[in-house]
Amino acid sequence: MEQLLVINAHPSVDPSMSYSLQVRDRFLETYRQENPNAAITEINLYAEEIPQIDATVLSAWSKLEGSQPLTDEERRVTARMREILEQFKQAKRYVIVMPLHNFNIPSRLKDYMDNILIARETFKYTSNGSVGLLKDGRSLVVIQASSGIYTNNDWYTQNEFSHHYLKSMFNFIGVEDYEIIRVQGTGRIDKDEILAKANQEAEQAAKRLAGMAVMA
């Protein structure tokens, strides 16, 4: 059965305080209705250990290349990174839930991306350049909330780096089916209006992904 992995990159734990978490809940409600036997896993980036590429990780990688023994901490951290990578690879559908932080992804999500963008695991280098290794029909839906509006083809559109980064990086590893649901304008538009539009898009996206999972 296809696995749906929900990557929660929101620091809040209370959906009532978060637009993106409320839309996530609507997405999952619809997904389960369309696929009652759905296999769904969620990783909460602000509640679980997400290793950073720091001195410990760099030291471990260097030792592994030279077949040198690791310290206990290096073994622990690299084992955790392997767990995160394997969980990601085992899924076929992905949902990222996040707020927009200063035009970019939350820092914990960047740490997470560093755990899954691994050469010979999710991409490889060839004489003709890099090639994604996850070219087996995977899908990504991004649920993103922001106080500003980023679809008016203005300065804000050009400098909304999170969208460009996530789309490019998932394409880099072979995930080309990408959709973003924007819960935008929270600082200037009526809350009910924002949620109604985003929830409708979430329902449509959930039905589409659930349909793929059922047919697989």
C-alpha atoms as a PDB file:
ATOM      1  CA  MET A   1       0.000   0.000   0.000  1.00  0.00           C
ATOM      2  CA  GLU A   2       1.284   3.463  -0.874  1.00  0.00           C
ATOM      3  CA  GLN A   3       2.455   5.545   2.051  1.00  0.00           C
ATOM      4  CA  LEU A   4       1.477   9.196   2.542  1.00  0.00           C
ATOM      5  CA  LEU A   5       4.082  11.117   4.548  1.00  0.00           C
ATOM      6  CA  VAL A   6       2.953  14.373   6.170  1.00  0.00           C
ATOM      7  CA  ILE A   7       5.950  16.597   6.905  1.00  0.00           C
ATOM      8  CA  ASN A   8       4.784  19.064   9.540  1.00  0.00           C
ATOM      9  CA  ALA A   9       7.127  22.049   9.504  1.00  0.00           C
ATOM     10  CA  HIS A  10       4.962  24.301  11.667  1.00  0.00           C
ATOM     11  CA  PRO A  11       6.241  25.155  15.172  1.00  0.00           C
ATOM     12  CA  SER A  12       2.701  25.474  16.543  1.00  0.00           C
ATOM     13  CA  VAL A  13       0.957  22.416  17.984  1.00  0.00           C
ATOM     14  CA  ASP A  14      -2.506  23.985  18.093  1.00  0.00           C
ATOM     15  CA  PRO A  15      -4.374  23.849  14.764  1.00  0.00           C
ATOM     16  CA  SER A  16      -6.743  26.594  15.933  1.00  0.00           C
ATOM     17  CA  MET A  17      -3.752  28.971  15.955  1.00  0.00           C
ATOM     18  CA  SER A  18      -2.497  27.981  12.518  1.00  0.00           C
ATOM     19  CA  TYR A  19      -4.065  28.402   9.093  1.00  0.00           C
ATOM     20  CA  SER A  20      -1.844  25.803   7.452  1.00  0.00           C
ATOM     21  CA  LEU A  21      -2.539  23.184  10.134  1.00  0.00           C
ATOM     22  CA  GLN A  22      -6.283  23.695   9.726  1.00  0.00           C
ATOM     23  CA  VAL A  23      -5.963  23.134   5.986  1.00  0.00           C
ATOM     24  CA  ARG A  24      -3.809  20.074   6.670  1.00  0.00           C
ATOM     25  CA  ASP A  25      -6.622  18.670   8.783  1.00  0.00           C
ATOM     26  CA  ARG A  26      -9.125  19.208   5.961  1.00  0.00           C
ATOM     27  CA  PHE A  27      -6.743  17.554   3.498  1.00  0.00           C
ATOM     28  CA  LEU A  28      -6.311  14.488   5.733  1.00  0.00           C
ATOM     29  CA  GLU A  29     -10.030  14.256   6.478  1.00  0.00           C
ATOM     30  CA  THR A  30     -10.796  14.147   2.757  1.00  0.00           C
ATOM     31  CA  TYR A  31      -7.896  11.796   2.016  1.00  0.00           C
ATOM     32  CA  ARG A  32      -9.154   9.284   4.585  1.00  0.00           C
ATOM     33  CA  GLN A  33     -12.702   9.545   3.250  1.00  0.00           C
ATOM     34  CA  GLU A  34     -11.491   8.783  -0.268  1.00  0.00           C
ATOM     35  CA  ASN A  35      -9.049   6.093   0.886  1.00  0.00           C
ATOM     36  CA  PRO A  36     -10.272   4.512   4.161  1.00  0.00           C
ATOM     37  CA  ASN A  37      -7.335   2.086   4.240  1.00  0.00           C
ATOM     38  CA  ALA A  38      -4.771   4.829   3.734  1.00  0.00           C
ATOM     39  CA  ALA A  39      -1.318   4.382   5.225  1.00  0.00           C
ATOM     40  CA  ILE A  40      -0.442   7.798   6.678  1.00  0.00           C
ATOM     41  CA  THR A  41       2.665   8.756   8.638  1.00  0.00           C
ATOM     42  CA  GLU A  42       3.489  12.206  10.034  1.00  0.00           C
ATOM     43  CA  ILE A  43       6.838  13.594  11.097  1.00  0.00           C
ATOM     44  CA  ASN A  44       6.729  16.705  13.273  1.00  0.00           C
ATOM     45  CA  LEU A  45       9.943  18.613  12.626  1.00  0.00           C
ATOM     46  CA  TYR A  46       9.601  20.700  15.788  1.00  0.00           C
ATOM     47  CA  ALA A  47       8.918  17.726  18.066  1.00  0.00           C
ATOM     48  CA  GLU A  48      11.345  15.134  16.713  1.00  0.00           C
ATOM     49  CA  GLU A  49      15.115  15.152  16.345  1.00  0.00           C
ATOM     50  CA  ILE A  50      16.145  16.431  12.913  1.00  0.00           C
ATOM     51  CA  PRO A  51      19.967  16.414  12.737  1.00  0.00           C
ATOM     52  CA  GLN A  52      21.717  19.471  11.350  1.00  0.00           C
ATOM     53  CA  ILE A  53      24.795  19.341   9.170  1.00  0.00           C
ATOM     54  CA  ASP A  54      27.158  20.371  11.950  1.00  0.00           C
ATOM     55  CA  ALA A  55      30.662  19.430  13.080  1.00  0.00           C
ATOM     56  CA  THR A  56      29.504  16.032  14.325  1.00  0.00           C
ATOM     57  CA  VAL A  57      27.839  15.078  11.054  1.00  0.00           C
ATOM     58  CA  LEU A  58      30.709  16.350   8.924  1.00  0.00           C
ATOM     59  CA  SER A  59      33.192  14.431  11.051  1.00  0.00           C
ATOM     60  CA  ALA A  60      31.104  11.263  10.742  1.00  0.00           C
ATOM     61  CA  TRP A  61      30.812  11.583   6.967  1.00  0.00           C
ATOM     62  CA  SER A  62      34.556  12.090   6.656  1.00  0.00           C
ATOM     63  CA  LYS A  63      35.272   9.030   8.796  1.00  0.00           C
ATOM     64  CA  LEU A  64      32.790   6.906   6.850  1.00  0.00           C
ATOM     65  CA  GLU A  65      34.519   7.792   3.589  1.00  0.00           C
ATOM     66  CA  GLY A  66      37.832   6.719   5.104  1.00  0.00           C
ATOM     67  CA  SER A  67      36.368   3.592   6.782  1.00  0.00           C
ATOM     68  CA  GLN A  68      37.326   4.969  10.200  1.00  0.00           C
ATOM     69  CA  PRO A  69      35.444   4.153  13.416  1.00  0.00           C
ATOM     70  CA  LEU A  70      32.782   6.597  14.601  1.00  0.00           C
ATOM     71  CA  THR A  71      32.227   7.913  18.091  1.00  0.00           C
ATOM     72  CA  ASP A  72      29.052   6.890  19.926  1.00  0.00           C
ATOM     73  CA  GLU A  73      27.468  10.280  19.180  1.00  0.00           C
ATOM     74  CA  GLU A  74      28.415  10.103  15.510  1.00  0.00           C
ATOM     75  CA  ARG A  75      26.841   6.644  15.237  1.00  0.00           C
ATOM     76  CA  ARG A  76      23.693   7.846  16.978  1.00  0.00           C
ATOM     77  CA  VAL A  77      23.262  10.909  14.795  1.00  0.00           C
ATOM     78  CA  THR A  78      23.986   9.161  11.502  1.00  0.00           C
ATOM     79  CA  ALA A  79      21.570   6.387  12.491  1.00  0.00           C
ATOM     80  CA  ARG A  80      18.866   8.994  13.057  1.00  0.00           C
ATOM     81  CA  MET A  81      19.612  10.539   9.663  1.00  0.00           C
ATOM     82  CA  ARG A  82      19.252   7.097   8.084  1.00  0.00           C
ATOM     83  CA  GLU A  83      15.852   6.650   9.788  1.00  0.00           C
ATOM     84  CA  ILE A  84      14.627   9.964   8.374  1.00  0.00           C
ATOM     85  CA  LEU A  85      15.917   9.146   4.903  1.00  0.00           C
ATOM     86  CA  GLU A  86      14.358   5.668   4.844  1.00  0.00           C
ATOM     87  CA  GLN A  87      11.013   6.991   6.075  1.00  0.00           C
ATOM     88  CA  PHE A  88      11.050   9.527   3.260  1.00  0.00           C
ATOM     89  CA  LYS A  89      12.041   7.026   0.576  1.00  0.00           C
ATOM     90  CA  GLN A  90       9.392   4.508   1.656  1.00  0.00           C
ATOM     91  CA  ALA A  91       6.594   7.030   1.064  1.00  0.00           C
ATOM     92  CA  LYS A  92       5.115   7.708  -2.360  1.00  0.00           C
ATOM     93  CA  ARG A  93       3.041  10.819  -1.610  1.00  0.00           C
ATOM     94  CA  TYR A  94       4.169  13.812   0.427  1.00  0.00           C
ATOM     95  CA  VAL A  95       2.433  16.744   2.106  1.00  0.00           C
ATOM     96  CA  ILE A  96       4.539  19.570   3.530  1.00  0.00           C
ATOM     97  CA  VAL A  97       2.743  21.868   5.987  1.00  0.00           C
ATOM     98  CA  MET A  98       4.525  25.132   6.731  1.00  0.00           C
ATOM     99  CA  PRO A  99       4.287  28.858   7.400  1.00  0.00           C
ATOM    100  CA  LEU A 100       6.337  31.232   5.262  1.00  0.00           C
ATOM    101  CA  HIS A 101       9.263  32.577   7.303  1.00  0.00           C
ATOM    102  CA  ASN A 102      10.833  35.707   5.798  1.00  0.00           C
ATOM    103  CA  PHE A 103      10.183  34.592   2.217  1.00  0.00           C
ATOM    104  CA  ASN A 104      11.661  31.140   2.805  1.00  0.00           C
ATOM    105  CA  ILE A 105      11.069  27.750   4.401  1.00  0.00           C
ATOM    106  CA  PRO A 106      11.314  27.311   8.199  1.00  0.00           C
ATOM    107  CA  SER A 107      14.814  26.443   9.404  1.00  0.00           C
ATOM    108  CA  ARG A 108      13.755  22.992  10.625  1.00  0.00           C
ATOM    109  CA  LEU A 109      12.477  22.177   7.147  1.00  0.00           C
ATOM    110  CA  LYS A 110      15.851  23.129   5.679  1.00  0.00           C
ATOM    111  CA  ASP A 111      17.484  20.753   8.171  1.00  0.00           C
ATOM    112  CA  TYR A 112      15.046  18.055   7.056  1.00  0.00           C
ATOM    113  CA  MET A 113      15.874  18.627   3.395  1.00  0.00           C
ATOM    114  CA  ASP A 114      19.551  18.169   4.250  1.00  0.00           C
ATOM    115  CA  ASN A 115      18.652  14.719   5.608  1.00  0.00           C
ATOM    116  CA  ILE A 116      16.972  13.572   2.398  1.00  0.00           C
ATOM    117  CA  LEU A 117      19.091  15.239  -0.301  1.00  0.00           C
ATOM    118  CA  ILE A 118      21.729  12.529  -0.175  1.00  0.00           C
ATOM    119  CA  ALA A 119      23.874  11.468  -3.132  1.00  0.00           C
ATOM    120  CA  ARG A 120      23.367   7.839  -4.258  1.00  0.00           C
ATOM    121  CA  GLU A 121      20.155   7.726  -2.216  1.00  0.00           C
ATOM    122  CA  THR A 122      17.761  10.284  -3.738  1.00  0.00           C
ATOM    123  CA  PHE A 123      19.997  11.533  -6.576  1.00  0.00           C
ATOM    124  CA  LYS A 124      23.243  10.618  -8.264  1.00  0.00           C
ATOM    125  CA  TYR A 125      25.968  12.347 -10.238  1.00  0.00           C
ATOM    126  CA  THR A 126      26.668  11.243 -13.803  1.00  0.00           C
ATOM    127  CA  SER A 127      28.947  12.436 -16.578  1.00  0.00           C
ATOM    128  CA  ASN A 128      25.976  14.424 -17.884  1.00  0.00           C
ATOM    129  CA  GLY A 129      25.073  15.986 -14.550  1.00  0.00           C
ATOM    130  CA  SER A 130      22.890  14.985 -11.606  1.00  0.00           C
ATOM    131  CA  VAL A 131      19.918  12.626 -11.969  1.00  0.00           C
ATOM    132  CA  GLY A 132      17.028  12.160  -9.568  1.00  0.00           C
ATOM    133  CA  LEU A 133      16.547   8.610  -8.282  1.00  0.00           C
ATOM    134  CA  LEU A 134      12.889   8.914  -7.247  1.00  0.00           C
ATOM    135  CA  LYS A 135      11.389   8.954 -10.735  1.00  0.00           C
ATOM    136  CA  ASP A 136       8.612   6.503  -9.945  1.00  0.00           C
ATOM    137  CA  GLY A 137       5.565   8.754 -10.053  1.00  0.00           C
ATOM    138  CA  ARG A 138       5.752  10.422  -6.636  1.00  0.00           C
ATOM    139  CA  SER A 139       3.714  13.501  -5.697  1.00  0.00           C
ATOM    140  CA  LEU A 140       4.161  16.498  -3.410  1.00  0.00           C
ATOM    141  CA  VAL A 141       1.534  18.900  -2.063  1.00  0.00           C
ATOM    142  CA  VAL A 142       2.742  21.967  -0.151  1.00  0.00           C
ATOM    143  CA  ILE A 143       0.305  23.688   2.228  1.00  0.00           C
ATOM    144  CA  GLN A 144       1.756  27.102   2.978  1.00  0.00           C
ATOM    145  CA  ALA A 145       0.327  29.986   4.994  1.00  0.00           C
ATOM    146  CA  SER A 146       1.540  33.575   4.724  1.00  0.00           C
ATOM    147  CA  SER A 147       0.368  36.981   5.869  1.00  0.00           C
ATOM    148  CA  GLY A 148       1.263  38.492   2.488  1.00  0.00           C
ATOM    149  CA  ILE A 149       0.061  37.660  -1.023  1.00  0.00           C
ATOM    150  CA  TYR A 150       2.583  36.123  -3.415  1.00  0.00           C
ATOM    151  CA  THR A 151       0.626  35.587  -6.638  1.00  0.00           C
ATOM    152  CA  ASN A 152       0.303  39.173  -7.921  1.00  0.00           C
ATOM    153  CA  ASN A 153       3.341  38.909 -10.207  1.00  0.00           C
ATOM    154  CA  ASP A 154       5.159  41.628  -8.305  1.00  0.00           C
ATOM    155  CA  TRP A 155       8.272  41.910  -6.119  1.00  0.00           C
ATOM    156  CA  TYR A 156       6.808  39.525  -3.573  1.00  0.00           C
ATOM    157  CA  THR A 157       6.192  36.889  -6.229  1.00  0.00           C
ATOM    158  CA  GLN A 158       9.798  37.020  -7.416  1.00  0.00           C
ATOM    159  CA  ASN A 159      11.219  36.846  -3.895  1.00  0.00           C
ATOM    160  CA  GLU A 160       9.092  34.057  -2.453  1.00  0.00           C
ATOM    161  CA  PHE A 161      12.041  31.686  -2.290  1.00  0.00           C
ATOM    162  CA  SER A 162      10.363  28.809  -0.444  1.00  0.00           C
ATOM    163  CA  HIS A 163       8.214  27.887  -3.438  1.00  0.00           C
ATOM    164  CA  HIS A 164      11.159  28.002  -5.855  1.00  0.00           C
ATOM    165  CA  TYR A 165      13.394  26.046  -3.487  1.00  0.00           C
ATOM    166  CA  LEU A 166      10.983  23.216  -2.701  1.00  0.00           C
ATOM    167  CA  LYS A 167       9.834  22.774  -6.278  1.00  0.00           C
ATOM    168  CA  SER A 168      13.430  22.745  -7.542  1.00  0.00           C
ATOM    169  CA  MET A 169      14.755  20.382  -4.882  1.00  0.00           C
ATOM    170  CA  PHE A 170      11.963  17.834  -5.264  1.00  0.00           C
ATOM    171  CA  ASN A 171      12.372  18.002  -9.031  1.00  0.00           C
ATOM    172  CA  PHE A 172      16.112  17.478  -8.442  1.00  0.00           C
ATOM    173  CA  ILE A 173      15.440  14.115  -6.771  1.00  0.00           C
ATOM    174  CA  GLY A 174      12.841  13.106  -9.347  1.00  0.00           C
ATOM    175  CA  VAL A 175       9.528  14.233  -7.812  1.00  0.00           C
ATOM    176  CA  GLU A 176       7.932  16.260 -10.591  1.00  0.00           C
ATOM    177  CA  ASP A 177       4.251  16.200  -9.557  1.00  0.00           C
ATOM    178  CA  TYR A 178       4.218  19.347  -7.420  1.00  0.00           C
ATOM    179  CA  GLU A 179       1.275  21.388  -6.157  1.00  0.00           C
ATOM    180  CA  ILE A 180       1.165  24.313  -3.735  1.00  0.00           C
ATOM    181  CA  ILE A 181      -1.923  25.346  -1.761  1.00  0.00           C
ATOM    182  CA  ARG A 182      -1.474  28.927  -0.625  1.00  0.00           C
ATOM    183  CA  VAL A 183      -3.282  30.059   2.517  1.00  0.00           C
ATOM    184  CA  GLN A 184      -2.204  33.603   1.813  1.00  0.00           C
ATOM    185  CA  GLY A 185      -3.188  37.088   2.847  1.00  0.00           C
ATOM    186  CA  THR A 186      -3.822  36.175   6.483  1.00  0.00           C
ATOM    187  CA  GLY A 187      -2.798  39.671   7.495  1.00  0.00           C
ATOM    188  CA  ARG A 188      -5.272  41.459   5.266  1.00  0.00           C
ATOM    189  CA  ILE A 189      -8.108  39.190   4.077  1.00  0.00           C
ATOM    190  CA  ASP A 190     -11.071  37.788   6.000  1.00  0.00           C
ATOM    191  CA  LYS A 191     -10.129  34.515   7.724  1.00  0.00           C
ATOM    192  CA  ASP A 192     -13.212  32.626   6.593  1.00  0.00           C
ATOM    193  CA  GLU A 193     -12.628  33.637   2.985  1.00  0.00           C
ATOM    194  CA  ILE A 194      -9.012  32.477   3.089  1.00  0.00           C
ATOM    195  CA  LEU A 195      -9.827  29.127   4.671  1.00  0.00           C
ATOM    196  CA  ALA A 196     -12.775  28.444   2.356  1.00  0.00           C
ATOM    197  CA  LYS A 197     -10.583  28.823  -0.727  1.00  0.00           C
ATOM    198  CA  ALA A 198      -7.658  26.861   0.696  1.00  0.00           C
ATOM    199  CA  ASN A 199      -9.867  24.083   2.055  1.00  0.00           C
ATOM    200  CA  GLN A 200     -11.510  23.650  -1.315  1.00  0.00           C
ATOM    201  CA  GLU A 201      -8.093  23.304  -2.948  1.00  0.00           C
ATOM    202  CA  ALA A 202      -7.018  20.883  -0.211  1.00  0.00           C
ATOM    203  CA  GLU A 203     -10.068  18.691  -0.808  1.00  0.00           C
ATOM    204  CA  GLN A 204      -9.346  18.561  -4.532  1.00  0.00           C
ATOM    205  CA  ALA A 205      -5.684  17.730  -3.944  1.00  0.00           C
ATOM    206  CA  ALA A 206      -6.562  15.039  -1.400  1.00  0.00           C
ATOM    207  CA  LYS A 207      -9.010  13.380  -3.795  1.00  0.00           C
ATOM    208  CA  ARG A 208      -6.405  13.404  -6.545  1.00  0.00           C
ATOM    209  CA  LEU A 209      -3.657  11.846  -4.400  1.00  0.00           C
ATOM    210  CA  ALA A 210      -6.034   9.366  -2.786  1.00  0.00           C
ATOM    211  CA  GLY A 211      -7.145   8.303  -6.251  1.00  0.00           C
ATOM    212  CA  MET A 212      -3.539   7.645  -7.238  1.00  0.00           C
ATOM    213  CA  ALA A 213      -2.967   5.602  -4.092  1.00  0.00           C
ATOM    214  CA  VAL A 214      -6.075   3.477  -4.599  1.00  0.00           C
ATOM    215  CA  MET A 215      -5.192   2.752  -8.223  1.00  0.00           C
ATOM    216  CA  ALA A 216      -1.575   1.863  -7.456  1.00  0.00           C
END
